[in-house]
Amino acid sequence: MAWCMRFKENARNPLKRTTGNLTVPELSAALICLVRSVQFVYFSKDIQCIMKGEILSNSSVEATLANLRTQFWVTNGRSTVKRVWNNCLKCLK
């Protein structure tokens, strides 16, 4: 993905061509792009609700954590989910 993004950037601006090994910022940008792409695939309904200002379907902290753990291991998962949950203004209403 990082190579494709570099190719696209070099095609857009041939005067500032980047060559050589991939840089840390390029790799970071590619990672963010991939994560956003996966999030859009798996959370498209939630993203659309958030963009429209609608309320997301309610679930417990445990259900949210269980759903996350099917694909990711979140360090200090329970406390992280609780912190995000408690800081969400829509969830507190």
PDB file of N, CA and C in Angstrom:
ATOM      1  N   MET A   1       0.826  -1.181   0.000  1.00  0.00           N
ATOM      2  CA  MET A   1       0.000   0.000   0.000  1.00  0.00           C
ATOM      3  C   MET A   1       0.879   1.257   0.000  1.00  0.00           C
ATOM      4  N   ALA A   2       1.948   1.227   0.795  1.00  0.00           N
ATOM      5  CA  ALA A   2       2.833   2.393   0.862  1.00  0.00           C
ATOM      6  C   ALA A   2       3.486   2.670  -0.492  1.00  0.00           C
ATOM      7  N   TRP A   3       3.855   1.597  -1.198  1.00  0.00           N
ATOM      8  CA  TRP A   3       4.450   1.779  -2.529  1.00  0.00           C
ATOM      9  C   TRP A   3       3.434   2.391  -3.485  1.00  0.00           C
ATOM     10  N   CYS A   4       2.190   1.953  -3.411  1.00  0.00           N
ATOM     11  CA  CYS A   4       1.140   2.509  -4.280  1.00  0.00           C
ATOM     12  C   CYS A   4       0.907   3.982  -3.974  1.00  0.00           C
ATOM     13  N   MET A   5       0.906   4.317  -2.694  1.00  0.00           N
ATOM     14  CA  MET A   5       0.708   5.711  -2.312  1.00  0.00           C
ATOM     15  C   MET A   5       1.873   6.579  -2.785  1.00  0.00           C
ATOM     16  N   ARG A   6       3.088   6.037  -2.726  1.00  0.00           N
ATOM     17  CA  ARG A   6       4.254   6.783  -3.222  1.00  0.00           C
ATOM     18  C   ARG A   6       4.150   6.976  -4.730  1.00  0.00           C
ATOM     19  N   PHE A   7       3.754   5.925  -5.448  1.00  0.00           N
ATOM     20  CA  PHE A   7       3.598   6.022  -6.899  1.00  0.00           C
ATOM     21  C   PHE A   7       2.582   7.108  -7.248  1.00  0.00           C
ATOM     22  N   LYS A   8       1.470   7.116  -6.528  1.00  0.00           N
ATOM     23  CA  LYS A   8       0.422   8.115  -6.770  1.00  0.00           C
ATOM     24  C   LYS A   8       0.964   9.528  -6.527  1.00  0.00           C
ATOM     25  N   GLU A   9       1.701   9.706  -5.443  1.00  0.00           N
ATOM     26  CA  GLU A   9       2.266  11.018  -5.121  1.00  0.00           C
ATOM     27  C   GLU A   9       3.307  11.445  -6.154  1.00  0.00           C
ATOM     28  N   ASN A  10       4.138  10.506  -6.588  1.00  0.00           N
ATOM     29  CA  ASN A  10       5.142  10.825  -7.613  1.00  0.00           C
ATOM     30  C   ASN A  10       4.485  11.162  -8.947  1.00  0.00           C
ATOM     31  N   ALA A  11       3.376  10.508  -9.265  1.00  0.00           N
ATOM     32  CA  ALA A  11       2.671  10.800 -10.514  1.00  0.00           C
ATOM     33  C   ALA A  11       2.027  12.183 -10.464  1.00  0.00           C
ATOM     34  N   ARG A  12       1.546  12.568  -9.296  1.00  0.00           N
ATOM     35  CA  ARG A  12       0.909  13.878  -9.154  1.00  0.00           C
ATOM     36  C   ARG A  12       1.923  15.018  -9.196  1.00  0.00           C
ATOM     37  N   ASN A  13       3.083  14.776  -8.630  1.00  0.00           N
ATOM     38  CA  ASN A  13       4.077  15.836  -8.529  1.00  0.00           C
ATOM     39  C   ASN A  13       5.444  15.312  -8.975  1.00  0.00           C
ATOM     40  N   PRO A  14       5.671  15.256 -10.287  1.00  0.00           N
ATOM     41  CA  PRO A  14       6.928  14.677 -10.783  1.00  0.00           C
ATOM     42  C   PRO A  14       8.170  15.501 -10.427  1.00  0.00           C
ATOM     43  N   LEU A  15       8.007  16.758 -10.056  1.00  0.00           N
ATOM     44  CA  LEU A  15       9.162  17.577  -9.690  1.00  0.00           C
ATOM     45  C   LEU A  15       9.723  17.193  -8.321  1.00  0.00           C
ATOM     46  N   LYS A  16       8.895  16.640  -7.467  1.00  0.00           N
ATOM     47  CA  LYS A  16       9.325  16.230  -6.124  1.00  0.00           C
ATOM     48  C   LYS A  16       9.231  14.715  -5.991  1.00  0.00           C
ATOM     49  N   ARG A  17       9.879  14.014  -6.889  1.00  0.00           N
ATOM     50  CA  ARG A  17       9.846  12.548  -6.866  1.00  0.00           C
ATOM     51  C   ARG A  17      10.592  12.020  -5.657  1.00  0.00           C
ATOM     52  N   THR A  18      10.006  11.020  -5.033  1.00  0.00           N
ATOM     53  CA  THR A  18      10.641  10.351  -3.904  1.00  0.00           C
ATOM     54  C   THR A  18      11.128   8.995  -4.378  1.00  0.00           C
ATOM     55  N   THR A  19      12.378   8.675  -4.063  1.00  0.00           N
ATOM     56  CA  THR A  19      12.944   7.387  -4.452  1.00  0.00           C
ATOM     57  C   THR A  19      13.582   6.751  -3.226  1.00  0.00           C
ATOM     58  N   GLY A  20      14.017   5.525  -3.390  1.00  0.00           N
ATOM     59  CA  GLY A  20      14.697   4.839  -2.295  1.00  0.00           C
ATOM     60  C   GLY A  20      13.730   4.072  -1.415  1.00  0.00           C
ATOM     61  N   ASN A  21      14.193   3.758  -0.225  1.00  0.00           N
ATOM     62  CA  ASN A  21      13.374   3.003   0.718  1.00  0.00           C
ATOM     63  C   ASN A  21      12.193   3.830   1.199  1.00  0.00           C
ATOM     64  N   LEU A  22      11.166   3.134   1.644  1.00  0.00           N
ATOM     65  CA  LEU A  22      10.007   3.816   2.204  1.00  0.00           C
ATOM     66  C   LEU A  22      10.389   4.462   3.526  1.00  0.00           C
ATOM     67  N   THR A  23       9.813   5.621   3.777  1.00  0.00           N
ATOM     68  CA  THR A  23      10.099   6.335   5.020  1.00  0.00           C
ATOM     69  C   THR A  23       9.053   5.985   6.073  1.00  0.00           C
ATOM     70  N   VAL A  24       9.356   6.323   7.305  1.00  0.00           N
ATOM     71  CA  VAL A  24       8.423   6.062   8.404  1.00  0.00           C
ATOM     72  C   VAL A  24       7.097   6.798   8.184  1.00  0.00           C
ATOM     73  N   PRO A  25       7.095   8.071   7.789  1.00  0.00           N
ATOM     74  CA  PRO A  25       5.814   8.736   7.533  1.00  0.00           C
ATOM     75  C   PRO A  25       4.998   8.061   6.422  1.00  0.00           C
ATOM     76  N   GLU A  26       5.675   7.571   5.391  1.00  0.00           N
ATOM     77  CA  GLU A  26       4.960   6.871   4.316  1.00  0.00           C
ATOM     78  C   GLU A  26       4.326   5.585   4.840  1.00  0.00           C
ATOM     79  N   LEU A  27       5.071   4.842   5.645  1.00  0.00           N
ATOM     80  CA  LEU A  27       4.537   3.602   6.211  1.00  0.00           C
ATOM     81  C   LEU A  27       3.394   3.890   7.175  1.00  0.00           C
ATOM     82  N   SER A  28       3.515   4.943   7.956  1.00  0.00           N
ATOM     83  CA  SER A  28       2.447   5.322   8.885  1.00  0.00           C
ATOM     84  C   SER A  28       1.188   5.729   8.130  1.00  0.00           C
ATOM     85  N   ALA A  29       1.352   6.495   7.066  1.00  0.00           N
ATOM     86  CA  ALA A  29       0.203   6.913   6.260  1.00  0.00           C
ATOM     87  C   ALA A  29      -0.478   5.710   5.621  1.00  0.00           C
ATOM     88  N   ALA A  30       0.305   4.738   5.176  1.00  0.00           N
ATOM     89  CA  ALA A  30      -0.263   3.527   4.584  1.00  0.00           C
ATOM     90  C   ALA A  30      -1.030   2.727   5.626  1.00  0.00           C
ATOM     91  N   LEU A  31      -0.490   2.632   6.833  1.00  0.00           N
ATOM     92  CA  LEU A  31      -1.170   1.914   7.907  1.00  0.00           C
ATOM     93  C   LEU A  31      -2.498   2.571   8.243  1.00  0.00           C
ATOM     94  N   ILE A  32      -2.499   3.889   8.346  1.00  0.00           N
ATOM     95  CA  ILE A  32      -3.734   4.616   8.636  1.00  0.00           C
ATOM     96  C   ILE A  32      -4.750   4.399   7.525  1.00  0.00           C
ATOM     97  N   CYS A  33      -4.299   4.432   6.287  1.00  0.00           N
ATOM     98  CA  CYS A  33      -5.183   4.205   5.144  1.00  0.00           C
ATOM     99  C   CYS A  33      -5.809   2.816   5.206  1.00  0.00           C
ATOM    100  N   LEU A  34      -5.000   1.809   5.521  1.00  0.00           N
ATOM    101  CA  LEU A  34      -5.507   0.439   5.612  1.00  0.00           C
ATOM    102  C   LEU A  34      -6.487   0.277   6.766  1.00  0.00           C
ATOM    103  N   VAL A  35      -6.170   0.851   7.909  1.00  0.00           N
ATOM    104  CA  VAL A  35      -7.063   0.747   9.069  1.00  0.00           C
ATOM    105  C   VAL A  35      -8.392   1.426   8.774  1.00  0.00           C
ATOM    106  N   ARG A  36      -8.347   2.602   8.164  1.00  0.00           N
ATOM    107  CA  ARG A  36      -9.591   3.304   7.822  1.00  0.00           C
ATOM    108  C   ARG A  36     -10.419   2.508   6.817  1.00  0.00           C
ATOM    109  N   SER A  37      -9.747   1.877   5.878  1.00  0.00           N
ATOM    110  CA  SER A  37     -10.444   1.064   4.889  1.00  0.00           C
ATOM    111  C   SER A  37     -11.149  -0.117   5.552  1.00  0.00           C
ATOM    112  N   VAL A  38     -10.453  -0.793   6.445  1.00  0.00           N
ATOM    113  CA  VAL A  38     -11.049  -1.928   7.155  1.00  0.00           C
ATOM    114  C   VAL A  38     -12.180  -1.450   8.058  1.00  0.00           C
ATOM    115  N   GLN A  39     -11.986  -0.324   8.738  1.00  0.00           N
ATOM    116  CA  GLN A  39     -13.042   0.214   9.590  1.00  0.00           C
ATOM    117  C   GLN A  39     -14.280   0.543   8.769  1.00  0.00           C
ATOM    118  N   PHE A  40     -14.094   1.091   7.582  1.00  0.00           N
ATOM    119  CA  PHE A  40     -15.242   1.431   6.748  1.00  0.00           C
ATOM    120  C   PHE A  40     -15.996   0.178   6.326  1.00  0.00           C
ATOM    121  N   VAL A  41     -15.272  -0.899   6.037  1.00  0.00           N
ATOM    122  CA  VAL A  41     -15.922  -2.150   5.627  1.00  0.00           C
ATOM    123  C   VAL A  41     -16.733  -2.732   6.779  1.00  0.00           C
ATOM    124  N   TYR A  42     -16.134  -2.804   7.958  1.00  0.00           N
ATOM    125  CA  TYR A  42     -16.774  -3.485   9.072  1.00  0.00           C
ATOM    126  C   TYR A  42     -17.685  -2.592   9.909  1.00  0.00           C
ATOM    127  N   PHE A  43     -17.484  -1.292   9.860  1.00  0.00           N
ATOM    128  CA  PHE A  43     -18.274  -0.388  10.687  1.00  0.00           C
ATOM    129  C   PHE A  43     -18.991   0.670   9.860  1.00  0.00           C
ATOM    130  N   SER A  44     -19.342   0.349   8.617  1.00  0.00           N
ATOM    131  CA  SER A  44     -19.939   1.359   7.744  1.00  0.00           C
ATOM    132  C   SER A  44     -21.269   1.874   8.291  1.00  0.00           C
ATOM    133  N   LYS A  45     -22.085   0.995   8.866  1.00  0.00           N
ATOM    134  CA  LYS A  45     -23.365   1.445   9.430  1.00  0.00           C
ATOM    135  C   LYS A  45     -23.134   2.394  10.599  1.00  0.00           C
ATOM    136  N   ASP A  46     -22.192   2.045  11.463  1.00  0.00           N
ATOM    137  CA  ASP A  46     -21.883   2.904  12.603  1.00  0.00           C
ATOM    138  C   ASP A  46     -21.326   4.245  12.144  1.00  0.00           C
ATOM    139  N   ILE A  47     -20.453   4.225  11.148  1.00  0.00           N
ATOM    140  CA  ILE A  47     -19.865   5.462  10.630  1.00  0.00           C
ATOM    141  C   ILE A  47     -20.949   6.354  10.038  1.00  0.00           C
ATOM    142  N   GLN A  48     -21.886   5.762   9.302  1.00  0.00           N
ATOM    143  CA  GLN A  48     -22.975   6.549   8.722  1.00  0.00           C
ATOM    144  C   GLN A  48     -23.854   7.154   9.810  1.00  0.00           C
ATOM    145  N   CYS A  49     -24.125   6.393  10.879  1.00  0.00           N
ATOM    146  CA  CYS A  49     -24.914   6.919  11.993  1.00  0.00           C
ATOM    147  C   CYS A  49     -24.203   8.098  12.647  1.00  0.00           C
ATOM    148  N   ILE A  50     -22.910   7.963  12.849  1.00  0.00           N
ATOM    149  CA  ILE A  50     -22.142   9.042  13.478  1.00  0.00           C
ATOM    150  C   ILE A  50     -22.140  10.279  12.587  1.00  0.00           C
ATOM    151  N   MET A  51     -21.953  10.099  11.276  1.00  0.00           N
ATOM    152  CA  MET A  51     -21.924  11.237  10.358  1.00  0.00           C
ATOM    153  C   MET A  51     -23.274  11.942  10.299  1.00  0.00           C
ATOM    154  N   LYS A  52     -24.360  11.193  10.463  1.00  0.00           N
ATOM    155  CA  LYS A  52     -25.699  11.778  10.442  1.00  0.00           C
ATOM    156  C   LYS A  52     -26.115  12.315  11.806  1.00  0.00           C
ATOM    157  N   GLY A  53     -25.301  12.028  12.837  1.00  0.00           N
ATOM    158  CA  GLY A  53     -25.635  12.481  14.181  1.00  0.00           C
ATOM    159  C   GLY A  53     -26.667  11.608  14.863  1.00  0.00           C
ATOM    160  N   GLU A  54     -26.848  10.402  14.365  1.00  0.00           N
ATOM    161  CA  GLU A  54     -27.818   9.490  14.960  1.00  0.00           C
ATOM    162  C   GLU A  54     -27.177   8.715  16.103  1.00  0.00           C
ATOM    163  N   ILE A  55     -28.017   8.126  16.927  1.00  0.00           N
ATOM    164  CA  ILE A  55     -27.542   7.341  18.057  1.00  0.00           C
ATOM    165  C   ILE A  55     -27.212   5.939  17.580  1.00  0.00           C
ATOM    166  N   LEU A  56     -26.064   5.443  18.022  1.00  0.00           N
ATOM    167  CA  LEU A  56     -25.665   4.079  17.683  1.00  0.00           C
ATOM    168  C   LEU A  56     -26.456   3.097  18.530  1.00  0.00           C
ATOM    169  N   SER A  57     -26.524   1.873  18.050  1.00  0.00           N
ATOM    170  CA  SER A  57     -27.220   0.851  18.825  1.00  0.00           C
ATOM    171  C   SER A  57     -26.489   0.651  20.144  1.00  0.00           C
ATOM    172  N   ASN A  58     -27.251   0.576  21.225  1.00  0.00           N
ATOM    173  CA  ASN A  58     -26.659   0.441  22.548  1.00  0.00           C
ATOM    174  C   ASN A  58     -26.209  -0.981  22.800  1.00  0.00           C
ATOM    175  N   SER A  59     -25.087  -1.109  23.431  1.00  0.00           N
ATOM    176  CA  SER A  59     -24.604  -2.400  23.885  1.00  0.00           C
ATOM    177  C   SER A  59     -23.777  -2.157  25.134  1.00  0.00           C
ATOM    178  N   SER A  60     -23.506  -3.191  25.860  1.00  0.00           N
ATOM    179  CA  SER A  60     -22.760  -3.037  27.100  1.00  0.00           C
ATOM    180  C   SER A  60     -21.263  -2.947  26.819  1.00  0.00           C
ATOM    181  N   VAL A  61     -20.529  -2.587  27.841  1.00  0.00           N
ATOM    182  CA  VAL A  61     -19.070  -2.541  27.738  1.00  0.00           C
ATOM    183  C   VAL A  61     -18.546  -3.932  27.425  1.00  0.00           C
ATOM    184  N   GLU A  62     -19.123  -4.942  28.072  1.00  0.00           N
ATOM    185  CA  GLU A  62     -18.680  -6.319  27.858  1.00  0.00           C
ATOM    186  C   GLU A  62     -18.936  -6.770  26.418  1.00  0.00           C
ATOM    187  N   ALA A  63     -20.091  -6.403  25.865  1.00  0.00           N
ATOM    188  CA  ALA A  63     -20.407  -6.786  24.487  1.00  0.00           C
ATOM    189  C   ALA A  63     -19.461  -6.095  23.511  1.00  0.00           C
ATOM    190  N   THR A  64     -19.175  -4.835  23.777  1.00  0.00           N
ATOM    191  CA  THR A  64     -18.243  -4.101  22.924  1.00  0.00           C
ATOM    192  C   THR A  64     -16.855  -4.721  22.985  1.00  0.00           C
ATOM    193  N   LEU A  65     -16.415  -5.058  24.197  1.00  0.00           N
ATOM    194  CA  LEU A  65     -15.100  -5.674  24.372  1.00  0.00           C
ATOM    195  C   LEU A  65     -15.043  -7.041  23.698  1.00  0.00           C
ATOM    196  N   ALA A  66     -16.103  -7.826  23.829  1.00  0.00           N
ATOM    197  CA  ALA A  66     -16.132  -9.145  23.185  1.00  0.00           C
ATOM    198  C   ALA A  66     -16.065  -9.015  21.673  1.00  0.00           C
ATOM    199  N   ASN A  67     -16.762  -8.030  21.133  1.00  0.00           N
ATOM    200  CA  ASN A  67     -16.740  -7.803  19.693  1.00  0.00           C
ATOM    201  C   ASN A  67     -15.343  -7.389  19.237  1.00  0.00           C
ATOM    202  N   LEU A  68     -14.695  -6.517  19.983  1.00  0.00           N
ATOM    203  CA  LEU A  68     -13.334  -6.102  19.637  1.00  0.00           C
ATOM    204  C   LEU A  68     -12.366  -7.274  19.691  1.00  0.00           C
ATOM    205  N   ARG A  69     -12.530  -8.130  20.706  1.00  0.00           N
ATOM    206  CA  ARG A  69     -11.588  -9.227  20.900  1.00  0.00           C
ATOM    207  C   ARG A  69     -11.706 -10.320  19.846  1.00  0.00           C
ATOM    208  N   THR A  70     -12.750 -10.291  19.033  1.00  0.00           N
ATOM    209  CA  THR A  70     -12.834 -11.276  17.957  1.00  0.00           C
ATOM    210  C   THR A  70     -11.769 -11.026  16.898  1.00  0.00           C
ATOM    211  N   GLN A  71     -11.291  -9.778  16.800  1.00  0.00           N
ATOM    212  CA  GLN A  71     -10.310  -9.445  15.772  1.00  0.00           C
ATOM    213  C   GLN A  71      -9.038  -8.820  16.319  1.00  0.00           C
ATOM    214  N   PHE A  72      -9.115  -8.156  17.483  1.00  0.00           N
ATOM    215  CA  PHE A  72      -7.967  -7.427  18.007  1.00  0.00           C
ATOM    216  C   PHE A  72      -7.790  -7.730  19.480  1.00  0.00           C
ATOM    217  N   TRP A  73      -6.575  -7.602  19.951  1.00  0.00           N
ATOM    218  CA  TRP A  73      -6.324  -7.657  21.380  1.00  0.00           C
ATOM    219  C   TRP A  73      -5.998  -6.243  21.813  1.00  0.00           C
ATOM    220  N   VAL A  74      -6.888  -5.665  22.614  1.00  0.00           N
ATOM    221  CA  VAL A  74      -6.725  -4.300  23.083  1.00  0.00           C
ATOM    222  C   VAL A  74      -6.053  -4.358  24.450  1.00  0.00           C
ATOM    223  N   THR A  75      -4.920  -3.701  24.586  1.00  0.00           N
ATOM    224  CA  THR A  75      -4.227  -3.667  25.866  1.00  0.00           C
ATOM    225  C   THR A  75      -5.102  -2.959  26.895  1.00  0.00           C
ATOM    226  N   ASN A  76      -5.247  -3.568  28.060  1.00  0.00           N
ATOM    227  CA  ASN A  76      -6.152  -3.040  29.097  1.00  0.00           C
ATOM    228  C   ASN A  76      -7.536  -2.802  28.499  1.00  0.00           C
ATOM    229  N   GLY A  77      -8.032  -3.809  27.796  1.00  0.00           N
ATOM    230  CA  GLY A  77      -9.253  -3.680  27.013  1.00  0.00           C
ATOM    231  C   GLY A  77     -10.448  -3.159  27.771  1.00  0.00           C
ATOM    232  N   ARG A  78     -10.742  -3.755  28.929  1.00  0.00           N
ATOM    233  CA  ARG A  78     -11.939  -3.363  29.669  1.00  0.00           C
ATOM    234  C   ARG A  78     -11.867  -1.899  30.092  1.00  0.00           C
ATOM    235  N   SER A  79     -10.736  -1.483  30.648  1.00  0.00           N
ATOM    236  CA  SER A  79     -10.621  -0.090  31.092  1.00  0.00           C
ATOM    237  C   SER A  79     -10.600   0.871  29.903  1.00  0.00           C
ATOM    238  N   THR A  80     -10.005   0.447  28.792  1.00  0.00           N
ATOM    239  CA  THR A  80      -9.984   1.291  27.596  1.00  0.00           C
ATOM    240  C   THR A  80     -11.394   1.491  27.053  1.00  0.00           C
ATOM    241  N   VAL A  81     -12.161   0.398  26.963  1.00  0.00           N
ATOM    242  CA  VAL A  81     -13.537   0.499  26.463  1.00  0.00           C
ATOM    243  C   VAL A  81     -14.374   1.341  27.416  1.00  0.00           C
ATOM    244  N   LYS A  82     -14.220   1.141  28.724  1.00  0.00           N
ATOM    245  CA  LYS A  82     -14.980   1.943  29.694  1.00  0.00           C
ATOM    246  C   LYS A  82     -14.651   3.425  29.570  1.00  0.00           C
ATOM    247  N   ARG A  83     -13.361   3.743  29.389  1.00  0.00           N
ATOM    248  CA  ARG A  83     -12.952   5.140  29.275  1.00  0.00           C
ATOM    249  C   ARG A  83     -13.569   5.784  28.028  1.00  0.00           C
ATOM    250  N   VAL A  84     -13.497   5.075  26.906  1.00  0.00           N
ATOM    251  CA  VAL A  84     -14.082   5.606  25.668  1.00  0.00           C
ATOM    252  C   VAL A  84     -15.592   5.723  25.818  1.00  0.00           C
ATOM    253  N   TRP A  85     -16.200   4.708  26.421  1.00  0.00           N
ATOM    254  CA  TRP A  85     -17.649   4.669  26.632  1.00  0.00           C
ATOM    255  C   TRP A  85     -18.091   5.857  27.483  1.00  0.00           C
ATOM    256  N   ASN A  86     -17.365   6.134  28.570  1.00  0.00           N
ATOM    257  CA  ASN A  86     -17.739   7.218  29.485  1.00  0.00           C
ATOM    258  C   ASN A  86     -17.475   8.598  28.906  1.00  0.00           C
ATOM    259  N   ASN A  87     -16.574   8.708  27.939  1.00  0.00           N
ATOM    260  CA  ASN A  87     -16.288   9.998  27.316  1.00  0.00           C
ATOM    261  C   ASN A  87     -17.184  10.291  26.119  1.00  0.00           C
ATOM    262  N   CYS A  88     -17.996   9.326  25.730  1.00  0.00           N
ATOM    263  CA  CYS A  88     -18.882   9.499  24.577  1.00  0.00           C
ATOM    264  C   CYS A  88     -20.143  10.239  25.018  1.00  0.00           C
ATOM    265  N   LEU A  89     -20.351  11.425  24.496  1.00  0.00           N
ATOM    266  CA  LEU A  89     -21.515  12.219  24.893  1.00  0.00           C
ATOM    267  C   LEU A  89     -22.822  11.570  24.463  1.00  0.00           C
ATOM    268  N   LYS A  90     -22.835  10.938  23.297  1.00  0.00           N
ATOM    269  CA  LYS A  90     -24.051  10.282  22.816  1.00  0.00           C
ATOM    270  C   LYS A  90     -24.416   9.105  23.707  1.00  0.00           C
ATOM    271  N   CYS A  91     -23.405   8.354  24.194  1.00  0.00           N
ATOM    272  CA  CYS A  91     -23.663   7.179  25.027  1.00  0.00           C
ATOM    273  C   CYS A  91     -24.176   7.578  26.401  1.00  0.00           C
ATOM    274  N   LEU A  92     -23.788   8.750  26.878  1.00  0.00           N
ATOM    275  CA  LEU A  92     -24.202   9.186  28.204  1.00  0.00           C
ATOM    276  C   LEU A  92     -25.638   9.673  28.235  1.00  0.00           C
ATOM    277  N   LYS A  93     -26.188  10.037  27.088  1.00  0.00           N
ATOM    278  CA  LYS A  93     -27.568  10.551  27.043  1.00  0.00           C
ATOM    279  C   LYS A  93     -28.563   9.465  27.335  1.00  0.00           C
TER     280      LYS A  93
END
